[in-house]
């Protein structure tokens, strides 16, 4: 399983969309559709879409959320 730390370089929106394209192609999903959906809201929406499609393949770590719990 791949781990992405949202507080690091991989957590910026463009990096996440790049990861989404790669994972989608590997999984036989429509990468353009997923990236389009990721672009329709704010950053939190983008992350939610990413998690919805790639949960189980990618572990997304958000250290800021963890600090509030």
N, C-alpha and C. Protein backbone atom coordinates (compact mmCIF):
# COMPACT_ATOMS: atom_id res chain seq x y z
N UNK A 1 0.84 -1.18 0.00
CA UNK A 1 0.00 0.00 0.00
C UNK A 1 0.89 1.24 0.00
N UNK A 2 0.50 2.22 -0.79
CA UNK A 2 1.21 3.49 -0.89
C UNK A 2 0.68 4.42 0.20
N UNK A 3 1.57 5.20 0.80
CA UNK A 3 1.17 6.19 1.80
C UNK A 3 1.44 7.59 1.26
N UNK A 4 0.44 8.45 1.39
CA UNK A 4 0.59 9.85 0.98
C UNK A 4 0.32 10.71 2.20
N UNK A 5 1.30 11.53 2.55
CA UNK A 5 1.20 12.46 3.68
C UNK A 5 0.76 13.81 3.13
N UNK A 6 -0.45 14.23 3.49
CA UNK A 6 -0.99 15.48 2.98
C UNK A 6 -0.20 16.69 3.43
N UNK A 7 0.57 16.57 4.50
CA UNK A 7 1.34 17.71 4.98
C UNK A 7 2.67 17.84 4.24
N UNK A 8 2.99 16.88 3.38
CA UNK A 8 4.24 16.91 2.61
C UNK A 8 4.00 17.32 1.17
N UNK A 9 5.03 17.15 0.35
CA UNK A 9 4.96 17.54 -1.07
C UNK A 9 3.85 16.81 -1.81
N UNK A 10 3.61 15.56 -1.46
CA UNK A 10 2.59 14.78 -2.16
C UNK A 10 1.17 15.23 -1.82
N UNK A 11 1.04 16.12 -0.85
CA UNK A 11 -0.28 16.56 -0.43
C UNK A 11 -0.82 17.75 -1.18
N UNK A 12 -0.03 18.36 -2.06
CA UNK A 12 -0.58 19.50 -2.79
C UNK A 12 -1.53 19.00 -3.88
N UNK A 13 -2.44 19.85 -4.29
CA UNK A 13 -3.51 19.45 -5.20
C UNK A 13 -2.98 18.88 -6.51
N UNK A 14 -1.95 19.50 -7.08
CA UNK A 14 -1.43 19.02 -8.37
C UNK A 14 -0.77 17.65 -8.23
N UNK A 15 -0.08 17.42 -7.13
CA UNK A 15 0.52 16.10 -6.90
C UNK A 15 -0.55 15.04 -6.73
N UNK A 16 -1.61 15.37 -5.99
CA UNK A 16 -2.70 14.40 -5.80
C UNK A 16 -3.38 14.07 -7.12
N UNK A 17 -3.58 15.08 -7.96
CA UNK A 17 -4.19 14.80 -9.27
C UNK A 17 -3.26 13.94 -10.14
N UNK A 18 -1.96 14.16 -10.03
CA UNK A 18 -1.01 13.31 -10.74
C UNK A 18 -1.04 11.89 -10.26
N UNK A 19 -1.09 11.72 -8.94
CA UNK A 19 -1.22 10.37 -8.38
C UNK A 19 -2.52 9.72 -8.83
N UNK A 20 -3.60 10.51 -8.83
CA UNK A 20 -4.90 9.98 -9.25
C UNK A 20 -4.84 9.46 -10.69
N UNK A 21 -4.20 10.21 -11.57
CA UNK A 21 -4.06 9.76 -12.96
C UNK A 21 -3.33 8.43 -13.04
N UNK A 22 -2.22 8.33 -12.31
CA UNK A 22 -1.43 7.10 -12.35
C UNK A 22 -2.19 5.92 -11.77
N UNK A 23 -2.80 6.11 -10.60
CA UNK A 23 -3.54 5.01 -9.97
C UNK A 23 -4.75 4.61 -10.82
N UNK A 24 -5.44 5.58 -11.39
CA UNK A 24 -6.61 5.28 -12.22
C UNK A 24 -6.22 4.43 -13.42
N UNK A 25 -5.13 4.80 -14.07
CA UNK A 25 -4.68 4.02 -15.23
C UNK A 25 -4.31 2.60 -14.83
N UNK A 26 -3.64 2.46 -13.69
CA UNK A 26 -3.27 1.13 -13.20
C UNK A 26 -4.50 0.28 -12.88
N UNK A 27 -5.58 0.94 -12.45
CA UNK A 27 -6.78 0.23 -12.03
C UNK A 27 -7.82 0.14 -13.15
N UNK A 28 -7.51 0.70 -14.32
CA UNK A 28 -8.45 0.65 -15.43
C UNK A 28 -9.61 1.61 -15.29
N UNK A 29 -9.42 2.69 -14.54
CA UNK A 29 -10.46 3.70 -14.35
C UNK A 29 -10.22 4.88 -15.28
N UNK A 30 -11.23 5.68 -15.47
CA UNK A 30 -11.14 6.87 -16.33
C UNK A 30 -10.47 8.00 -15.55
N UNK A 31 -9.19 8.22 -15.81
CA UNK A 31 -8.44 9.22 -15.06
C UNK A 31 -8.94 10.63 -15.31
N UNK A 32 -9.37 10.93 -16.53
CA UNK A 32 -9.87 12.27 -16.83
C UNK A 32 -11.13 12.58 -16.03
N UNK A 33 -12.00 11.61 -15.93
CA UNK A 33 -13.24 11.79 -15.16
C UNK A 33 -12.95 12.03 -13.68
N UNK A 34 -12.00 11.27 -13.13
CA UNK A 34 -11.66 11.40 -11.71
C UNK A 34 -11.02 12.76 -11.45
N UNK A 35 -10.08 13.16 -12.28
CA UNK A 35 -9.42 14.46 -12.09
C UNK A 35 -10.43 15.59 -12.25
N UNK A 36 -11.33 15.47 -13.21
CA UNK A 36 -12.37 16.49 -13.38
C UNK A 36 -13.20 16.60 -12.09
N UNK A 37 -13.60 15.47 -11.56
CA UNK A 37 -14.38 15.47 -10.32
C UNK A 37 -13.58 16.09 -9.17
N UNK A 38 -12.29 15.82 -9.12
CA UNK A 38 -11.43 16.38 -8.06
C UNK A 38 -11.37 17.90 -8.15
N UNK A 39 -11.51 18.45 -9.35
CA UNK A 39 -11.38 19.89 -9.57
C UNK A 39 -12.66 20.67 -9.31
N UNK A 40 -13.74 20.00 -8.98
CA UNK A 40 -15.04 20.67 -8.88
C UNK A 40 -15.31 21.36 -7.55
N UNK A 41 -14.46 21.16 -6.56
CA UNK A 41 -14.69 21.79 -5.26
C UNK A 41 -13.42 22.40 -4.72
N UNK A 42 -13.38 22.51 -3.40
CA UNK A 42 -12.18 23.03 -2.75
C UNK A 42 -11.21 21.89 -2.46
N UNK A 43 -10.15 22.20 -1.74
CA UNK A 43 -9.11 21.21 -1.47
C UNK A 43 -9.66 20.01 -0.69
N UNK A 44 -10.51 20.27 0.28
CA UNK A 44 -11.09 19.16 1.06
C UNK A 44 -11.92 18.25 0.17
N UNK A 45 -12.67 18.82 -0.76
CA UNK A 45 -13.44 18.02 -1.71
C UNK A 45 -12.51 17.18 -2.59
N UNK A 46 -11.42 17.79 -3.04
CA UNK A 46 -10.44 17.09 -3.86
C UNK A 46 -9.90 15.87 -3.11
N UNK A 47 -9.54 16.06 -1.85
CA UNK A 47 -9.01 14.94 -1.05
C UNK A 47 -10.09 13.88 -0.85
N UNK A 48 -11.32 14.30 -0.60
CA UNK A 48 -12.41 13.34 -0.41
C UNK A 48 -12.63 12.48 -1.65
N UNK A 49 -12.60 13.11 -2.83
CA UNK A 49 -12.75 12.36 -4.08
C UNK A 49 -11.59 11.38 -4.23
N UNK A 50 -10.38 11.85 -3.97
CA UNK A 50 -9.20 10.98 -4.06
C UNK A 50 -9.36 9.77 -3.16
N UNK A 51 -9.76 10.01 -1.91
CA UNK A 51 -9.94 8.91 -0.96
C UNK A 51 -11.04 7.96 -1.41
N UNK A 52 -12.11 8.49 -1.95
CA UNK A 52 -13.24 7.65 -2.37
C UNK A 52 -12.81 6.67 -3.46
N UNK A 53 -12.01 7.14 -4.39
CA UNK A 53 -11.58 6.27 -5.49
C UNK A 53 -10.44 5.33 -5.11
N UNK A 54 -9.56 5.78 -4.23
CA UNK A 54 -8.32 5.03 -4.02
C UNK A 54 -8.12 4.49 -2.61
N UNK A 55 -9.17 4.56 -1.79
CA UNK A 55 -9.10 3.96 -0.46
C UNK A 55 -8.85 2.47 -0.62
N UNK A 56 -7.94 1.95 0.14
CA UNK A 56 -7.57 0.54 0.01
C UNK A 56 -6.31 0.36 -0.82
N UNK A 57 -6.02 1.32 -1.68
CA UNK A 57 -4.80 1.30 -2.49
C UNK A 57 -3.79 2.27 -1.89
N UNK A 58 -4.31 3.38 -1.36
CA UNK A 58 -3.49 4.45 -0.82
C UNK A 58 -3.93 4.75 0.60
N UNK A 59 -2.97 4.89 1.47
CA UNK A 59 -3.25 5.37 2.82
C UNK A 59 -2.93 6.86 2.84
N UNK A 60 -3.94 7.66 3.11
CA UNK A 60 -3.77 9.11 3.15
C UNK A 60 -3.63 9.53 4.61
N UNK A 61 -2.52 10.19 4.90
CA UNK A 61 -2.25 10.65 6.27
C UNK A 61 -2.38 12.16 6.28
N UNK A 62 -3.19 12.65 7.20
CA UNK A 62 -3.35 14.09 7.38
C UNK A 62 -2.97 14.41 8.82
N UNK A 63 -1.73 14.80 9.03
CA UNK A 63 -1.22 15.02 10.38
C UNK A 63 -1.98 16.14 11.11
N UNK A 64 -2.46 17.14 10.38
CA UNK A 64 -3.21 18.22 11.03
C UNK A 64 -4.51 17.68 11.62
N UNK A 65 -5.21 16.81 10.89
CA UNK A 65 -6.45 16.21 11.43
C UNK A 65 -6.12 15.37 12.64
N UNK A 66 -5.04 14.60 12.57
CA UNK A 66 -4.65 13.73 13.67
C UNK A 66 -4.37 14.52 14.93
N UNK A 67 -3.82 15.73 14.79
CA UNK A 67 -3.50 16.55 15.94
C UNK A 67 -4.74 17.04 16.66
N UNK A 68 -5.86 17.19 15.94
CA UNK A 68 -7.10 17.70 16.53
C UNK A 68 -7.90 16.60 17.21
N UNK A 69 -7.61 15.35 16.92
CA UNK A 69 -8.37 14.25 17.52
C UNK A 69 -7.92 13.97 18.94
